[in-house]
């Protein structure tokens, strides 16, 4: 059974990114369908897969990580508007029977991602 998961790590502090809101969208052409909104737990993960089973189909998706709120809550001072506020990650699912793990490595002025396992 396929599933979509994520994990947020605060690379500046060397700890999980707790309390980050993530919006999940399916993209079809110019259409953007909101599927759910989740929040990371104390380990920087979601309590359950973001999507799994029949909810995960082949196609394009977008995760919107609301990093600005997290960085404010961590006391990271920055000029407004912040350099990073909402981080969009768009990716494709070619085989919905697989596990797609899309982590976010976050700092106040940069981020990276990859397809994990």
N, C-alpha and C. Protein backbone atom coordinates (compact mmCIF):
# COMPACT_ATOMS: atom_id res chain seq x y z
N UNK A 1 0.85 -1.18 0.00
CA UNK A 1 0.00 0.00 0.00
C UNK A 1 0.90 1.24 0.00
N UNK A 2 0.64 2.15 -0.91
CA UNK A 2 1.42 3.37 -1.00
C UNK A 2 1.09 4.35 0.10
N UNK A 3 2.05 5.23 0.37
CA UNK A 3 1.81 6.26 1.38
C UNK A 3 2.76 7.43 1.16
N UNK A 4 2.34 8.57 1.71
CA UNK A 4 3.13 9.79 1.66
C UNK A 4 3.41 10.23 3.08
N UNK A 5 4.68 10.45 3.40
CA UNK A 5 5.08 10.90 4.73
C UNK A 5 6.08 12.04 4.59
N UNK A 6 6.31 12.72 5.71
CA UNK A 6 7.31 13.79 5.75
C UNK A 6 7.98 13.81 7.11
N UNK A 7 9.02 14.59 7.20
CA UNK A 7 9.77 14.76 8.44
C UNK A 7 10.47 16.10 8.31
N UNK A 8 10.35 16.96 9.31
CA UNK A 8 11.00 18.27 9.27
C UNK A 8 12.10 18.30 10.32
N UNK A 9 13.30 18.66 9.88
CA UNK A 9 14.43 18.80 10.78
C UNK A 9 14.92 20.23 10.73
N UNK A 10 15.09 20.83 11.89
CA UNK A 10 15.64 22.17 12.01
C UNK A 10 17.15 22.01 12.05
N UNK A 11 17.80 22.26 10.91
CA UNK A 11 19.24 22.02 10.83
C UNK A 11 20.04 23.08 11.57
N UNK A 12 19.47 24.25 11.82
CA UNK A 12 20.16 25.29 12.58
C UNK A 12 20.26 24.92 14.06
N UNK A 13 19.23 24.23 14.55
CA UNK A 13 19.21 23.85 15.97
C UNK A 13 19.56 22.38 16.20
N UNK A 14 19.57 21.61 15.13
CA UNK A 14 19.86 20.18 15.27
C UNK A 14 18.77 19.43 15.99
N UNK A 15 17.50 19.79 15.69
CA UNK A 15 16.38 19.15 16.37
C UNK A 15 15.19 19.03 15.41
N UNK A 16 14.20 18.20 15.76
CA UNK A 16 13.00 18.10 14.93
C UNK A 16 12.24 19.42 14.88
N UNK A 17 11.57 19.66 13.77
CA UNK A 17 10.73 20.84 13.60
C UNK A 17 9.32 20.53 14.09
N UNK A 18 9.04 20.85 15.33
CA UNK A 18 7.75 20.54 15.95
C UNK A 18 6.76 21.69 15.73
N UNK A 19 5.50 21.33 15.45
CA UNK A 19 4.43 22.31 15.36
C UNK A 19 4.35 23.04 14.04
N UNK A 20 4.90 22.47 12.98
CA UNK A 20 4.86 23.10 11.66
C UNK A 20 3.61 22.64 10.92
N UNK A 21 2.81 23.60 10.51
CA UNK A 21 1.61 23.31 9.73
C UNK A 21 2.00 23.02 8.29
N UNK A 22 1.40 21.97 7.73
CA UNK A 22 1.67 21.57 6.34
C UNK A 22 0.34 21.38 5.64
N UNK A 23 0.14 22.11 4.55
CA UNK A 23 -1.04 21.93 3.71
C UNK A 23 -0.68 21.00 2.56
N UNK A 24 -1.62 20.11 2.21
CA UNK A 24 -1.40 19.10 1.19
C UNK A 24 -2.36 19.34 0.03
N UNK A 25 -1.82 19.39 -1.19
CA UNK A 25 -2.62 19.64 -2.39
C UNK A 25 -2.32 18.61 -3.46
N UNK A 26 -3.33 18.29 -4.26
CA UNK A 26 -3.15 17.52 -5.49
C UNK A 26 -3.26 18.52 -6.63
N UNK A 27 -2.35 18.44 -7.59
CA UNK A 27 -2.32 19.36 -8.72
C UNK A 27 -2.75 18.63 -9.98
N UNK A 28 -3.68 19.26 -10.71
CA UNK A 28 -4.12 18.71 -11.99
C UNK A 28 -4.19 19.87 -12.97
N UNK A 29 -3.19 19.96 -13.85
CA UNK A 29 -3.13 21.10 -14.75
C UNK A 29 -2.99 22.37 -13.94
N UNK A 30 -3.90 23.31 -14.14
CA UNK A 30 -3.89 24.56 -13.37
C UNK A 30 -4.75 24.48 -12.11
N UNK A 31 -5.37 23.34 -11.88
CA UNK A 31 -6.22 23.15 -10.71
C UNK A 31 -5.39 22.68 -9.51
N UNK A 32 -5.77 23.18 -8.34
CA UNK A 32 -5.09 22.85 -7.10
C UNK A 32 -6.15 22.44 -6.09
N UNK A 33 -6.18 21.16 -5.71
CA UNK A 33 -7.18 20.63 -4.80
C UNK A 33 -6.58 20.42 -3.41
N UNK A 34 -7.13 21.12 -2.41
CA UNK A 34 -6.66 20.95 -1.03
C UNK A 34 -7.14 19.60 -0.52
N UNK A 35 -6.22 18.77 -0.03
CA UNK A 35 -6.57 17.45 0.47
C UNK A 35 -6.63 17.39 1.99
N UNK A 36 -5.67 18.05 2.64
CA UNK A 36 -5.67 18.04 4.11
C UNK A 36 -4.66 19.05 4.63
N UNK A 37 -4.73 19.25 5.94
CA UNK A 37 -3.75 20.06 6.65
C UNK A 37 -3.31 19.25 7.86
N UNK A 38 -2.00 19.15 8.05
CA UNK A 38 -1.44 18.37 9.15
C UNK A 38 -0.44 19.24 9.91
N UNK A 39 -0.06 18.80 11.11
CA UNK A 39 0.92 19.52 11.93
C UNK A 39 1.95 18.50 12.43
N UNK A 40 3.22 18.89 12.39
CA UNK A 40 4.27 17.98 12.84
C UNK A 40 4.26 17.83 14.37
N UNK A 41 4.61 16.64 14.81
CA UNK A 41 4.64 16.33 16.24
C UNK A 41 6.02 16.62 16.83
N UNK A 42 6.27 16.16 18.04
CA UNK A 42 7.52 16.46 18.74
C UNK A 42 8.74 15.84 18.06
N UNK A 43 8.52 14.88 17.18
CA UNK A 43 9.61 14.26 16.44
C UNK A 43 9.76 14.87 15.04
N UNK A 44 8.98 15.93 14.74
CA UNK A 44 9.04 16.56 13.44
C UNK A 44 8.31 15.78 12.35
N UNK A 45 7.53 14.79 12.76
CA UNK A 45 6.78 13.94 11.82
C UNK A 45 5.29 14.16 12.04
N UNK A 46 4.50 13.60 11.16
CA UNK A 46 3.04 13.60 11.35
C UNK A 46 2.67 12.32 12.07
N UNK A 47 1.58 12.35 12.84
CA UNK A 47 1.19 11.18 13.62
C UNK A 47 0.76 10.00 12.76
N UNK A 48 0.38 10.27 11.53
CA UNK A 48 -0.03 9.21 10.58
C UNK A 48 0.45 9.63 9.20
N UNK A 49 0.47 8.70 8.25
CA UNK A 49 0.83 9.10 6.89
C UNK A 49 -0.07 10.24 6.41
N UNK A 50 0.49 11.14 5.63
CA UNK A 50 -0.28 12.27 5.09
C UNK A 50 -1.35 11.75 4.14
N UNK A 51 -0.97 10.84 3.29
CA UNK A 51 -1.90 10.15 2.39
C UNK A 51 -1.49 8.68 2.37
N UNK A 52 -2.47 7.80 2.22
CA UNK A 52 -2.15 6.38 2.08
C UNK A 52 -3.28 5.66 1.38
N UNK A 53 -2.96 4.49 0.86
CA UNK A 53 -3.95 3.67 0.17
C UNK A 53 -4.53 4.38 -1.03
N UNK A 54 -5.86 4.32 -1.16
CA UNK A 54 -6.54 4.91 -2.31
C UNK A 54 -6.44 6.43 -2.36
N UNK A 55 -6.10 7.07 -1.26
CA UNK A 55 -5.98 8.54 -1.24
C UNK A 55 -4.74 9.01 -1.99
N UNK A 56 -3.75 8.12 -2.16
CA UNK A 56 -2.53 8.45 -2.90
C UNK A 56 -2.63 7.87 -4.29
N UNK A 57 -2.69 8.72 -5.28
CA UNK A 57 -2.77 8.28 -6.68
C UNK A 57 -1.59 8.87 -7.45
N UNK A 58 -1.31 8.31 -8.61
CA UNK A 58 -0.26 8.86 -9.45
C UNK A 58 -0.64 10.29 -9.84
N UNK A 59 0.35 11.17 -9.87
CA UNK A 59 0.09 12.55 -10.24
C UNK A 59 1.04 13.50 -9.54
N UNK A 60 0.69 14.78 -9.59
CA UNK A 60 1.53 15.80 -8.98
C UNK A 60 0.90 16.30 -7.68
N UNK A 61 1.77 16.59 -6.72
CA UNK A 61 1.34 17.03 -5.40
C UNK A 61 2.17 18.23 -4.97
N UNK A 62 1.64 18.95 -3.98
CA UNK A 62 2.36 20.06 -3.39
C UNK A 62 2.16 20.03 -1.88
N UNK A 63 3.25 20.18 -1.16
CA UNK A 63 3.21 20.36 0.29
C UNK A 63 3.62 21.80 0.56
N UNK A 64 2.81 22.52 1.35
CA UNK A 64 3.15 23.88 1.76
C UNK A 64 3.54 23.83 3.23
N UNK A 65 4.81 24.04 3.51
CA UNK A 65 5.33 24.03 4.87
C UNK A 65 5.30 25.46 5.40
N UNK A 66 4.56 25.71 6.45
CA UNK A 66 4.45 27.04 7.04
C UNK A 66 5.59 27.23 8.03
N UNK A 67 6.76 27.49 7.48
CA UNK A 67 7.99 27.58 8.27
C UNK A 67 8.10 28.88 9.05
N UNK A 68 7.54 29.96 8.53
CA UNK A 68 7.67 31.26 9.19
C UNK A 68 7.10 31.25 10.60
N UNK A 69 5.94 30.66 10.77
CA UNK A 69 5.33 30.56 12.11
C UNK A 69 6.20 29.77 13.06
N UNK A 70 6.78 28.69 12.56
CA UNK A 70 7.69 27.88 13.37
C UNK A 70 8.92 28.70 13.78
N UNK A 71 9.52 29.39 12.82
CA UNK A 71 10.73 30.17 13.11
C UNK A 71 10.44 31.29 14.11
N UNK A 72 9.27 31.93 13.98
CA UNK A 72 8.88 32.96 14.96
C UNK A 72 8.77 32.35 16.35
N UNK A 73 8.10 31.20 16.43
CA UNK A 73 7.90 30.53 17.72
C UNK A 73 9.22 30.10 18.34
N UNK A 74 10.24 29.85 17.52
CA UNK A 74 11.55 29.46 18.01
C UNK A 74 12.39 30.67 18.43
N UNK A 75 11.84 31.88 18.23
CA UNK A 75 12.55 33.08 18.63
C UNK A 75 13.59 33.54 17.61
N UNK A 76 13.51 33.02 16.38
CA UNK A 76 14.44 33.43 15.34
C UNK A 76 14.06 34.83 14.88
N UNK A 77 14.91 35.78 15.14
CA UNK A 77 14.63 37.16 14.74
C UNK A 77 15.00 37.35 13.28
N UNK A 78 14.13 38.07 12.58
CA UNK A 78 14.38 38.33 11.16
C UNK A 78 13.55 39.54 10.75
N UNK A 79 14.03 40.23 9.75
CA UNK A 79 13.27 41.35 9.20
C UNK A 79 12.02 40.80 8.51
N UNK A 80 10.96 41.57 8.57
CA UNK A 80 9.72 41.18 7.90
C UNK A 80 9.63 41.90 6.56
N UNK A 81 9.20 41.28 5.51
CA UNK A 81 8.83 39.87 5.51
C UNK A 81 10.06 38.96 5.62
N UNK A 82 9.83 37.82 6.22
CA UNK A 82 10.91 36.86 6.40
C UNK A 82 11.39 36.34 5.05
N UNK A 83 12.65 35.95 5.00
CA UNK A 83 13.19 35.35 3.80
C UNK A 83 12.43 34.07 3.47
N UNK A 84 12.17 33.22 4.48
CA UNK A 84 11.37 32.01 4.30
C UNK A 84 10.13 32.11 5.17
N UNK A 85 8.99 31.94 4.55
CA UNK A 85 7.73 31.93 5.30
C UNK A 85 6.99 30.64 4.97
N UNK A 86 6.40 30.57 3.79
CA UNK A 86 5.73 29.35 3.34
C UNK A 86 6.59 28.72 2.26
N UNK A 87 6.97 27.47 2.46
CA UNK A 87 7.85 26.77 1.54
C UNK A 87 7.04 25.76 0.74
N UNK A 88 6.91 25.95 -0.58
CA UNK A 88 6.18 24.98 -1.41
C UNK A 88 7.12 23.91 -1.95
N UNK A 89 6.73 22.66 -1.81
CA UNK A 89 7.48 21.55 -2.41
C UNK A 89 6.53 20.81 -3.35
N UNK A 90 6.85 20.86 -4.64
CA UNK A 90 6.05 20.14 -5.64
C UNK A 90 6.82 18.92 -6.09
N UNK A 91 6.11 17.81 -6.21
CA UNK A 91 6.75 16.56 -6.58
C UNK A 91 5.74 15.66 -7.28
N UNK A 92 6.26 14.68 -7.98
CA UNK A 92 5.40 13.75 -8.71
C UNK A 92 5.41 12.36 -8.10
N UNK A 93 4.27 11.71 -8.17
CA UNK A 93 4.11 10.33 -7.74
C UNK A 93 3.83 9.52 -9.00
N UNK A 94 4.78 8.68 -9.40
CA UNK A 94 4.60 7.89 -10.62
C UNK A 94 4.04 6.50 -10.31
N UNK A 95 4.29 5.99 -9.12
CA UNK A 95 3.81 4.67 -8.72
C UNK A 95 3.18 4.78 -7.33
N UNK A 96 1.87 4.87 -7.28
CA UNK A 96 1.15 5.10 -6.02
C UNK A 96 1.21 3.92 -5.06
N UNK A 97 1.80 2.82 -5.46
CA UNK A 97 1.94 1.68 -4.54
C UNK A 97 3.21 1.80 -3.69
N UNK A 98 4.04 2.80 -3.97
CA UNK A 98 5.29 2.97 -3.25
C UNK A 98 5.15 3.96 -2.09
N UNK A 99 6.19 3.99 -1.26
CA UNK A 99 6.27 4.94 -0.16
C UNK A 99 7.03 6.17 -0.65
N UNK A 100 6.41 7.33 -0.58
CA UNK A 100 7.04 8.60 -0.92
C UNK A 100 7.25 9.37 0.38
N UNK A 101 8.51 9.50 0.77
CA UNK A 101 8.88 10.24 1.97
C UNK A 101 9.55 11.52 1.51
N UNK A 102 8.95 12.67 1.86
CA UNK A 102 9.42 13.97 1.39
C UNK A 102 9.81 14.82 2.60
N UNK A 103 11.05 14.69 3.08
CA UNK A 103 11.48 15.45 4.24
C UNK A 103 11.88 16.88 3.89
N UNK A 104 11.89 17.73 4.90
CA UNK A 104 12.33 19.11 4.76
C UNK A 104 13.41 19.37 5.79
N UNK A 105 14.58 19.78 5.32
CA UNK A 105 15.68 20.20 6.19
C UNK A 105 15.65 21.72 6.18
N UNK A 106 15.42 22.33 7.33
CA UNK A 106 15.09 23.74 7.42
C UNK A 106 16.07 24.52 8.26
N UNK A 107 16.41 25.73 7.81
CA UNK A 107 17.11 26.72 8.61
C UNK A 107 16.47 28.07 8.27
N UNK A 108 16.77 29.13 9.01
CA UNK A 108 16.10 30.41 8.75
C UNK A 108 16.32 30.98 7.34
N UNK A 109 17.42 30.58 6.68
CA UNK A 109 17.73 31.17 5.37
C UNK A 109 17.95 30.13 4.28
N UNK A 110 17.51 28.91 4.50
CA UNK A 110 17.66 27.90 3.48
C UNK A 110 16.93 26.62 3.84
N UNK A 111 16.73 25.79 2.82
CA UNK A 111 16.11 24.48 3.03
C UNK A 111 16.54 23.54 1.92
N UNK A 112 16.36 22.26 2.18
CA UNK A 112 16.57 21.25 1.15
C UNK A 112 15.61 20.11 1.38
N UNK A 113 15.45 19.31 0.35
CA UNK A 113 14.56 18.17 0.41
C UNK A 113 15.12 17.06 -0.46
N UNK A 114 14.55 15.89 -0.35
CA UNK A 114 14.96 14.74 -1.17
C UNK A 114 13.87 13.69 -1.04
N UNK A 115 13.93 12.67 -1.85
CA UNK A 115 13.00 11.56 -1.67
C UNK A 115 13.66 10.54 -0.76
N UNK A 116 13.11 10.43 0.42
CA UNK A 116 13.66 9.50 1.41
C UNK A 116 12.97 8.16 1.34
N UNK A 117 13.21 7.36 2.35
CA UNK A 117 12.60 6.02 2.40
C UNK A 117 11.81 5.84 3.69
